Amino acid sequence: MMQQVDLQSLVQHSDWIESSKPLRDVYDELSKLKYDYMAVLDQGMLLGVCSKSKIGMLLGHLYGRSLYDRQPVRHYLLSNYLKITTEMQITEVLQAVFSREEYEFYDDAVLTNGQDNFLGLIPIKTLITVQNRIFMENIDTLKAQQMELNRKNKEMEKNLVLARGLQQAFLPQQYPCFPSHASETDSRLRFSHYYQSADLLGGDFFHIIPISDYAAGMFICDVMGHGVSSALVTSMLRALLESFQLLSSSPSELMEAINQKLIEMLKHNNETIFATALYLTVDTESFEYQLVRAGHHYPLHLNRASSEIKPLEHANVGGPPLGVIEGANYETHQGKIEENDVFLAYTDGLFEVFNSKKQMYGKKRLLEKIQNSSHLPPITMMDEIVMGVKNFSSSETFEDDICLVGLEIASSVHAPSPQSTDFSQIFSMSPVSRTN
């Protein structure tokens, strides 16, 4: 490495002149040499540096020789010479060189040892050459580092693409039917979703849990942030939902168990990580729903019979986000449902979207858009909702993850819904096709 430089190897010469020597003799001696500078010593101690060109200017004056030729050289030294020591690093030397004034920049540097003994003179052009070599070496090092960084980035991107595929596999690949032996067309509970992550990996997640032939649970969550860390937490939540599936008919117990276990799993993590979530169960025998919230936005309930759609804000129960408070309690809200009702759950990336005027789309616009689309089948409704957000922001991408999940209670009479001309086509689409 050029940064480790033996300064003595840069010395051009170590000739010196006694300080009492007359200028005439100094100039005659320097004229025989190819270099311009010479150290001046006084009884072995470094006194300074003299310059052949500057002495020549004095002696070449009209009366120069008669005035100066017998003067001792000690009176005509350079006013400010650069002294460096063998103990200095090359970077320190170069810093000292390039901080000099312009009129003295090219004067040779004087090298001494730790005891201030004169070792020789180093031309500034030699130090400039060293600097250029260091510069070129640094460029080569940076190029090598950039190539290695590019290689690692490509490898990381490849791994992230693989991780994205695995995360997509966590999402429902096929919706369950109710009862289990029913076809998708005859299922009493029908699901649909829209999912789009802001990065390769997302922090939004949802899961459908069959409870019985006539009841299902719908879980949706939004992990703080997005990227690798939030994606890892979504995978942990998926695993916890599977392990606590026996609690799926009791929303409060399920949420409390997940919260407690998540805190245990994250307790050694130095960063604050949490997830908002909600869990909704629907029973088509009792025609009741149960809802528990963990700091998540209220879901929307569309009553087809009355054409009324409203957030379940009266369900002001639940508890804090998951992973925040150990031993937190979560209360459950219960309510009635009717045939053809629709529930919509979503994450905040759907309405925390800004346009070019820095205006946020907001919940009010979202509710108005859903209200205007409420006569449509859930899948078509979702397309209208997302298109409305994109038109507002004039962008095809989102800065945050998007997750929108719909649950429809189908009519007990196996016939197309009055709002849909062909449910068999609408709901035969696989969940994967609705994931962007």
Protein backbone atom coordinates (compact mmCIF):
# COMPACT_ATOMS: atom_id res chain seq x y z
CA MET A 1 0.00 0.00 0.00
CA MET A 2 1.32 3.45 -0.96
CA GLN A 3 0.00 4.81 2.36
CA GLN A 4 3.00 3.05 3.99
CA VAL A 5 5.86 5.11 2.50
CA ASP A 6 9.50 5.18 3.63
CA LEU A 7 10.15 8.92 3.51
CA GLN A 8 13.93 8.44 3.37
CA SER A 9 13.49 6.67 0.03
CA LEU A 10 12.09 9.93 -1.38
CA VAL A 11 15.17 11.99 -0.51
CA GLN A 12 16.77 13.55 -3.62
CA HIS A 13 20.05 14.46 -1.91
CA SER A 14 21.49 15.08 1.56
CA ASP A 15 24.08 17.74 0.63
CA TRP A 16 24.34 20.74 2.92
CA ILE A 17 26.28 24.01 3.31
CA GLU A 18 27.79 25.59 6.40
CA SER A 19 25.88 28.71 7.44
CA SER A 20 28.98 30.93 7.41
CA LYS A 21 29.84 30.21 3.77
CA PRO A 22 29.73 33.34 1.48
CA LEU A 23 26.93 33.59 -1.09
CA ARG A 24 29.47 33.65 -3.94
CA ASP A 25 30.88 30.26 -2.95
CA VAL A 26 27.42 28.85 -2.29
CA TYR A 27 26.22 29.90 -5.74
CA ASP A 28 29.33 28.51 -7.46
CA GLU A 29 28.83 25.19 -5.69
CA LEU A 30 25.13 25.03 -6.46
CA SER A 31 25.79 25.91 -10.12
CA LYS A 32 27.65 22.63 -10.50
CA LEU A 33 24.61 20.68 -9.22
CA LYS A 34 21.28 19.87 -10.91
CA TYR A 35 19.11 20.75 -7.95
CA ASP A 36 18.04 24.18 -6.72
CA TYR A 37 17.83 23.79 -2.95
CA MET A 38 20.46 23.07 -0.31
CA ALA A 39 20.18 22.64 3.46
CA VAL A 40 22.11 25.09 5.61
CA LEU A 41 23.62 23.80 8.86
CA ASP A 42 25.26 25.65 11.72
CA GLN A 43 27.71 23.44 13.63
CA GLY A 44 25.76 20.38 12.60
CA MET A 45 22.34 21.79 13.49
CA LEU A 46 19.77 22.50 10.80
CA LEU A 47 19.40 26.24 10.32
CA GLY A 48 17.29 26.41 7.17
CA VAL A 49 17.27 26.09 3.36
CA CYS A 50 18.80 28.23 0.63
CA SER A 51 17.83 28.45 -3.04
CA LYS A 52 20.21 28.66 -6.02
CA SER A 53 17.73 30.68 -8.08
CA LYS A 54 17.10 33.24 -5.34
CA ILE A 55 20.83 33.65 -4.59
CA GLY A 56 21.43 34.02 -8.32
CA MET A 57 18.87 36.83 -8.46
CA LEU A 58 20.71 38.68 -5.68
CA LEU A 59 24.13 38.27 -7.26
CA GLY A 60 22.85 39.03 -10.75
CA HIS A 61 21.65 42.46 -9.69
CA LEU A 62 23.59 45.46 -11.11
CA TYR A 63 25.66 45.75 -7.97
CA GLY A 64 24.79 42.32 -6.63
CA ARG A 65 28.22 40.77 -6.44
CA SER A 66 29.78 43.77 -4.77
CA LEU A 67 26.95 43.93 -2.26
CA TYR A 68 26.25 40.29 -1.48
CA ASP A 69 28.97 37.90 -2.64
CA ARG A 70 30.84 38.00 0.69
CA GLN A 71 27.68 37.85 2.82
CA PRO A 72 27.23 34.57 4.74
CA VAL A 73 24.42 32.38 3.43
CA ARG A 74 22.70 32.24 6.85
CA HIS A 75 21.32 35.75 6.21
CA TYR A 76 19.56 34.68 2.98
CA LEU A 77 17.60 31.59 3.83
CA LEU A 78 14.09 30.84 2.69
CA SER A 79 11.66 32.61 4.98
CA ASN A 80 9.43 29.59 5.66
CA TYR A 81 10.67 26.12 4.83
CA LEU A 82 8.74 22.87 5.33
CA LYS A 83 10.29 20.45 7.81
CA ILE A 84 8.97 16.88 8.08
CA THR A 85 10.11 13.96 10.20
CA THR A 86 10.47 10.25 9.57
CA GLU A 87 7.82 9.66 12.24
CA MET A 88 5.09 11.32 10.13
CA GLN A 89 2.64 9.35 7.98
CA ILE A 90 2.59 10.16 4.27
CA THR A 91 -0.94 11.53 4.65
CA GLU A 92 0.31 14.03 7.25
CA VAL A 93 3.17 15.04 4.95
CA LEU A 94 0.85 15.59 1.98
CA GLN A 95 -1.54 17.58 4.13
CA ALA A 96 1.34 19.84 5.21
CA VAL A 97 2.51 20.25 1.59
CA PHE A 98 -0.90 21.19 0.19
CA SER A 99 -1.64 23.67 2.96
CA ARG A 100 1.38 25.82 1.98
CA GLU A 101 1.07 29.23 0.37
CA GLU A 102 1.38 29.40 -3.42
CA TYR A 103 4.68 31.35 -3.44
CA GLU A 104 6.43 28.70 -1.33
CA PHE A 105 4.59 25.62 -2.55
CA TYR A 106 7.41 24.19 -4.71
CA ASP A 107 10.23 24.65 -2.18
CA ASP A 108 11.83 21.33 -1.24
CA ALA A 109 10.80 19.72 2.05
CA VAL A 110 13.49 19.05 4.67
CA LEU A 111 13.49 15.58 6.21
CA THR A 112 14.78 15.07 9.76
CA ASN A 113 14.70 12.19 12.20
CA GLY A 114 13.22 12.11 15.67
CA GLN A 115 16.32 13.83 17.10
CA ASP A 116 15.98 16.69 14.57
CA ASN A 117 19.04 15.52 12.64
CA PHE A 118 19.13 16.51 8.96
CA LEU A 119 18.56 13.56 6.59
CA GLY A 120 18.01 15.17 3.22
CA LEU A 121 15.75 17.18 0.90
CA ILE A 122 12.63 15.86 -0.82
CA PRO A 123 11.38 17.71 -3.95
CA ILE A 124 7.71 18.66 -3.84
CA LYS A 125 7.22 17.17 -7.31
CA THR A 126 8.25 13.81 -5.83
CA LEU A 127 5.59 14.14 -3.15
CA ILE A 128 3.03 15.11 -5.83
CA THR A 129 3.94 11.93 -7.70
CA VAL A 130 3.42 9.94 -4.51
CA GLN A 131 0.04 11.60 -4.01
CA ASN A 132 -1.01 10.68 -7.56
CA ARG A 133 0.03 7.08 -6.98
CA ILE A 134 -1.99 6.98 -3.78
CA PHE A 135 -4.92 8.54 -5.63
CA MET A 136 -4.73 5.93 -8.41
CA GLU A 137 -4.35 3.17 -5.85
CA ASN A 138 -7.41 4.44 -4.03
CA ILE A 139 -9.33 4.48 -7.31
CA ASP A 140 -8.36 0.87 -7.95
CA THR A 141 -9.38 0.00 -4.40
CA LEU A 142 -12.70 1.81 -4.80
CA LYS A 143 -13.32 0.03 -8.11
CA ALA A 144 -12.63 -3.32 -6.48
CA GLN A 145 -14.87 -2.42 -3.54
CA GLN A 146 -17.61 -1.26 -5.92
CA MET A 147 -17.41 -4.52 -7.85
CA GLU A 148 -17.65 -6.48 -4.61
CA LEU A 149 -20.53 -4.29 -3.47
CA ASN A 150 -22.32 -4.84 -6.78
CA ARG A 151 -21.80 -8.58 -6.45
CA LYS A 152 -23.20 -8.59 -2.93
CA ASN A 153 -26.10 -6.37 -3.97
CA LYS A 154 -26.99 -8.77 -6.78
CA GLU A 155 -26.75 -11.68 -4.40
CA MET A 156 -28.89 -9.85 -1.85
CA GLU A 157 -31.44 -8.92 -4.50
CA LYS A 158 -31.57 -12.53 -5.60
CA ASN A 159 -32.17 -13.60 -2.01
CA LEU A 160 -34.82 -10.90 -1.58
CA VAL A 161 -36.62 -12.09 -4.70
CA LEU A 162 -36.56 -15.61 -3.26
CA ALA A 163 -37.81 -14.27 0.08
CA ARG A 164 -40.57 -12.38 -1.74
CA GLY A 165 -41.69 -15.62 -3.35
CA LEU A 166 -41.76 -17.30 0.05
CA GLN A 167 -43.68 -14.40 1.56
CA GLN A 168 -46.20 -14.52 -1.27
CA ALA A 169 -46.61 -18.21 -0.51
CA PHE A 170 -47.65 -17.25 3.04
CA LEU A 171 -50.71 -15.52 1.61
CA PRO A 172 -53.74 -17.73 0.88
CA GLN A 173 -53.18 -19.55 -2.37
CA GLN A 174 -56.74 -20.86 -2.42
CA TYR A 175 -59.65 -19.71 -0.32
CA PRO A 176 -61.40 -22.36 1.82
CA CYS A 177 -65.04 -23.18 1.09
CA PHE A 178 -67.89 -23.30 3.60
CA PRO A 179 -68.94 -25.99 4.11
CA SER A 180 -65.69 -27.66 3.15
CA HIS A 181 -67.34 -29.95 0.56
CA ALA A 182 -68.99 -27.01 -1.24
CA SER A 183 -67.72 -25.60 -4.49
CA GLU A 184 -66.42 -22.02 -4.71
CA THR A 185 -69.73 -21.04 -6.29
CA ASP A 186 -71.77 -22.59 -3.46
CA SER A 187 -69.57 -21.47 -0.56
CA ARG A 188 -71.48 -19.54 2.13
CA LEU A 189 -68.38 -17.42 2.82
CA ARG A 190 -66.44 -15.91 -0.04
CA PHE A 191 -63.15 -14.05 0.14
CA SER A 192 -61.16 -11.70 -2.06
CA HIS A 193 -58.08 -9.56 -1.56
CA TYR A 194 -55.71 -7.02 -3.06
CA TYR A 195 -52.07 -7.03 -1.95
CA GLN A 196 -49.13 -4.90 -3.09
CA SER A 197 -45.87 -4.41 -1.20
CA ALA A 198 -43.92 -1.16 -1.47
CA ASP A 199 -40.60 -3.04 -1.53
CA LEU A 200 -39.65 -6.56 -2.53
CA LEU A 201 -40.71 -7.58 0.96
CA GLY A 202 -43.75 -6.23 2.76
CA GLY A 203 -45.00 -5.78 6.30
CA ASP A 204 -48.70 -6.36 5.57
CA PHE A 205 -50.20 -9.80 5.98
CA PHE A 206 -53.58 -11.54 6.12
CA HIS A 207 -54.78 -15.07 6.77
CA ILE A 208 -58.07 -16.96 6.51
CA ILE A 209 -58.80 -19.54 9.22
CA PRO A 210 -61.54 -22.17 8.80
CA ILE A 211 -63.24 -22.59 12.20
CA SER A 212 -66.05 -24.92 11.18
CA ASP A 213 -68.10 -25.73 8.09
CA TYR A 214 -70.08 -22.55 8.67
CA ALA A 215 -67.63 -20.20 10.39
CA ALA A 216 -64.33 -18.58 9.44
CA GLY A 217 -61.79 -16.17 10.89
CA MET A 218 -60.10 -13.37 8.96
CA PHE A 219 -56.82 -11.96 10.33
CA ILE A 220 -55.08 -8.88 8.93
CA CYS A 221 -52.03 -7.06 10.28
CA ASP A 222 -49.64 -4.24 9.47
CA VAL A 223 -46.12 -4.57 10.88
CA MET A 224 -44.30 -1.30 11.54
CA GLY A 225 -42.26 -0.31 8.49
CA HIS A 226 -41.61 -2.52 5.51
CA GLY A 227 -38.68 -4.53 4.26
CA VAL A 228 -36.75 -7.48 5.68
CA SER A 229 -37.45 -6.94 9.41
CA SER A 230 -41.19 -6.42 8.98
CA ALA A 231 -41.38 -9.36 6.57
CA LEU A 232 -39.74 -11.59 9.19
CA VAL A 233 -42.35 -10.52 11.74
CA THR A 234 -45.17 -11.38 9.31
CA SER A 235 -43.72 -14.88 8.96
CA MET A 236 -43.63 -15.14 12.76
CA LEU A 237 -47.29 -14.08 12.96
CA ARG A 238 -48.24 -16.65 10.33
CA ALA A 239 -46.53 -19.36 12.40
CA LEU A 240 -48.29 -18.16 15.58
CA LEU A 241 -51.69 -18.25 13.89
CA GLU A 242 -51.05 -21.86 12.90
CA SER A 243 -49.86 -22.84 16.38
CA PHE A 244 -52.84 -21.18 18.12
CA GLN A 245 -55.47 -22.37 15.65
CA LEU A 246 -57.41 -24.09 18.47
CA LEU A 247 -58.16 -20.60 19.81
CA SER A 248 -59.53 -19.37 16.46
CA SER A 249 -63.16 -19.38 17.68
CA SER A 250 -62.21 -17.10 20.62
CA PRO A 251 -60.85 -13.84 19.19
CA SER A 252 -59.78 -12.35 22.53
CA GLU A 253 -57.84 -15.43 23.62
CA LEU A 254 -56.21 -15.77 20.20
CA MET A 255 -55.04 -12.13 20.15
CA GLU A 256 -53.76 -12.30 23.74
CA ALA A 257 -51.82 -15.50 23.03
CA ILE A 258 -50.25 -14.06 19.88
CA ASN A 259 -49.30 -10.83 21.65
CA GLN A 260 -47.66 -12.66 24.55
CA LYS A 261 -45.71 -15.03 22.32
CA LEU A 262 -44.61 -12.25 19.98
CA ILE A 263 -43.23 -10.26 22.92
CA GLU A 264 -41.27 -13.30 24.05
CA MET A 265 -39.86 -13.82 20.56
CA LEU A 266 -38.83 -10.16 20.18
CA LYS A 267 -37.60 -9.45 23.72
CA HIS A 268 -33.91 -9.68 22.75
CA ASN A 269 -34.38 -7.33 19.82
CA ASN A 270 -32.99 -3.84 20.47
CA GLU A 271 -35.32 -2.12 18.02
CA THR A 272 -38.98 -1.38 18.67
CA ILE A 273 -41.15 -3.58 16.48
CA PHE A 274 -44.92 -3.90 16.70
CA ALA A 275 -47.90 -4.79 14.54
CA THR A 276 -51.44 -3.49 14.41
CA ALA A 277 -53.95 -6.23 13.72
CA LEU A 278 -57.59 -7.22 13.77
CA TYR A 279 -59.31 -10.59 13.83
CA LEU A 280 -62.88 -11.04 12.62
CA THR A 281 -64.95 -14.24 12.85
CA VAL A 282 -68.19 -14.78 10.97
CA ASP A 283 -70.67 -17.58 11.75
CA THR A 284 -73.36 -18.31 9.14
CA GLU A 285 -75.36 -20.49 11.53
CA SER A 286 -75.76 -17.96 14.33
CA PHE A 287 -75.45 -15.05 11.88
CA GLU A 288 -73.10 -13.26 14.22
CA TYR A 289 -69.65 -11.78 13.91
CA GLN A 290 -66.96 -11.28 16.53
CA LEU A 291 -64.29 -8.63 16.24
CA VAL A 292 -61.12 -7.94 18.22
CA ARG A 293 -58.69 -5.14 17.38
CA ALA A 294 -55.04 -4.64 18.28
CA GLY A 295 -54.60 -0.96 17.45
CA HIS A 296 -55.75 -1.54 13.85
CA HIS A 297 -58.17 0.52 11.77
CA TYR A 298 -61.85 -0.33 12.06
CA PRO A 299 -63.10 -2.70 9.36
CA LEU A 300 -66.03 -1.65 7.18
CA HIS A 301 -69.39 -3.42 7.25
CA LEU A 302 -71.56 -3.23 4.13
CA ASN A 303 -75.20 -4.21 4.62
CA ARG A 304 -76.55 -5.05 1.18
CA ALA A 305 -80.16 -4.99 2.33
CA SER A 306 -79.99 -1.35 3.47
CA SER A 307 -77.12 -0.31 1.16
CA GLU A 308 -75.47 1.07 4.27
CA ILE A 309 -71.71 0.90 4.74
CA LYS A 310 -70.02 2.03 7.91
CA PRO A 311 -66.86 1.44 9.92
CA LEU A 312 -67.40 -0.61 13.06
CA GLU A 313 -66.35 2.33 15.21
CA HIS A 314 -68.89 1.45 17.84
CA ALA A 315 -66.70 -1.59 18.39
CA ASN A 316 -64.36 0.58 20.44
CA VAL A 317 -62.85 -2.43 22.10
CA GLY A 318 -59.67 -4.42 21.70
CA GLY A 319 -56.25 -3.53 22.95
CA PRO A 320 -52.81 -2.16 22.06
CA PRO A 321 -50.75 -3.20 19.00
CA LEU A 322 -49.17 -6.63 19.15
CA GLY A 323 -45.71 -6.85 20.67
CA VAL A 324 -46.00 -3.72 22.84
CA ILE A 325 -47.54 -4.52 26.25
CA GLU A 326 -46.92 -7.82 27.96
CA GLY A 327 -50.07 -9.43 29.35
CA ALA A 328 -52.37 -7.02 27.47
CA ASN A 329 -56.09 -7.84 27.43
CA TYR A 330 -58.19 -7.69 24.25
CA GLU A 331 -61.98 -7.34 24.39
CA THR A 332 -64.28 -8.79 21.74
CA HIS A 333 -67.20 -7.01 20.11
CA GLN A 334 -70.14 -9.02 18.78
CA GLY A 335 -72.75 -8.10 16.21
CA LYS A 336 -75.35 -9.42 13.80
CA ILE A 337 -74.91 -10.15 10.11
CA GLU A 338 -77.25 -10.75 7.21
CA GLU A 339 -76.98 -12.59 3.93
CA ASN A 340 -75.04 -10.72 1.24
CA ASP A 341 -73.26 -8.56 3.85
CA VAL A 342 -69.63 -7.68 3.08
CA PHE A 343 -66.77 -6.92 5.48
CA LEU A 344 -63.71 -5.01 4.26
CA ALA A 345 -60.45 -4.83 6.25
CA TYR A 346 -57.45 -2.80 5.09
CA THR A 347 -54.07 -1.39 6.11
CA ASP A 348 -53.17 2.31 6.29
CA GLY A 349 -51.15 2.24 3.06
CA LEU A 350 -54.52 2.41 1.26
CA PHE A 351 -55.47 5.89 2.48
CA GLU A 352 -52.16 7.45 3.66
CA VAL A 353 -51.37 8.40 0.08
CA PHE A 354 -50.51 11.95 -1.03
CA ASN A 355 -51.00 13.80 -4.30
CA SER A 356 -48.77 16.43 -5.90
CA LYS A 357 -50.33 19.12 -3.66
CA LYS A 358 -49.27 17.19 -0.52
CA GLN A 359 -52.92 16.37 0.21
CA MET A 360 -53.64 13.00 1.81
CA TYR A 361 -56.31 10.72 0.38
CA GLY A 362 -57.59 9.98 3.86
CA LYS A 363 -60.31 7.81 5.34
CA LYS A 364 -63.13 10.14 4.27
CA ARG A 365 -62.33 9.84 0.55
CA LEU A 366 -61.79 6.11 0.99
CA LEU A 367 -65.21 5.64 2.59
CA GLU A 368 -66.88 7.74 -0.12
CA LYS A 369 -65.21 5.65 -2.84
CA ILE A 370 -66.31 2.41 -1.20
CA GLN A 371 -69.84 3.79 -0.78
CA ASN A 372 -70.00 4.63 -4.49
CA SER A 373 -68.74 1.15 -5.36
CA SER A 374 -70.83 -0.76 -2.82
CA HIS A 375 -73.20 -2.13 -5.46
CA LEU A 376 -70.33 -4.01 -7.11
CA PRO A 377 -69.06 -7.51 -6.29
CA PRO A 378 -66.12 -7.39 -3.82
CA ILE A 379 -63.41 -8.06 -6.39
CA THR A 380 -64.68 -5.37 -8.75
CA MET A 381 -65.17 -3.06 -5.78
CA MET A 382 -61.49 -3.52 -4.82
CA ASP A 383 -60.35 -2.66 -8.32
CA GLU A 384 -62.41 0.54 -8.17
CA ILE A 385 -61.03 1.42 -4.73
CA VAL A 386 -57.39 0.95 -5.72
CA MET A 387 -57.89 2.76 -9.04
CA GLY A 388 -59.42 5.71 -7.17
CA VAL A 389 -56.35 5.95 -4.91
CA LYS A 390 -53.98 5.73 -7.88
CA ASN A 391 -55.90 8.41 -9.79
CA PHE A 392 -55.72 10.67 -6.74
CA SER A 393 -51.95 10.29 -6.37
CA SER A 394 -51.25 10.09 -10.14
CA SER A 395 -48.94 7.18 -9.42
CA GLU A 396 -49.00 3.46 -10.09
CA THR A 397 -46.85 2.74 -7.04
CA PHE A 398 -47.40 3.14 -3.33
CA GLU A 399 -44.93 4.32 -0.68
CA ASP A 400 -46.38 1.86 1.82
CA ASP A 401 -47.66 -1.68 1.61
CA ILE A 402 -51.29 -2.18 0.55
CA CYS A 403 -53.53 -4.93 1.85
CA LEU A 404 -57.29 -5.03 1.34
CA VAL A 405 -59.34 -8.12 2.26
CA GLY A 406 -63.01 -8.74 1.64
CA LEU A 407 -65.41 -11.29 3.19
CA GLU A 408 -68.92 -11.78 1.77
CA ILE A 409 -71.75 -13.77 3.35
CA ALA A 410 -73.42 -15.44 0.41
CA SER A 411 -77.13 -16.08 0.13
CA SER A 412 -78.30 -19.46 1.42
CA VAL A 413 -80.12 -19.88 -1.90
CA HIS A 414 -77.54 -20.96 -4.43
CA ALA A 415 -78.21 -18.28 -6.94
CA PRO A 416 -76.27 -15.31 -8.18
CA SER A 417 -76.23 -12.28 -5.89
CA PRO A 418 -78.61 -9.49 -6.96
CA GLN A 419 -75.63 -7.19 -7.38
CA SER A 420 -73.67 -9.61 -9.51
CA THR A 421 -74.48 -11.20 -12.83
CA ASP A 422 -72.07 -14.08 -12.51
CA PHE A 423 -70.46 -14.90 -9.14
CA SER A 424 -69.02 -18.13 -10.49
CA GLN A 425 -66.66 -16.13 -12.68
CA ILE A 426 -65.96 -13.49 -10.09
CA PHE A 427 -64.96 -15.83 -7.30
CA SER A 428 -63.29 -18.53 -9.35
CA MET A 429 -60.21 -16.32 -9.52
CA SER A 430 -57.41 -17.54 -7.30
CA PRO A 431 -55.99 -15.28 -4.56
CA VAL A 432 -52.65 -15.21 -6.34
CA SER A 433 -54.16 -13.41 -9.33
CA ARG A 434 -55.30 -10.61 -7.01
CA THR A 435 -51.83 -10.05 -5.56
CA ASN A 436 -49.78 -7.30 -7.20
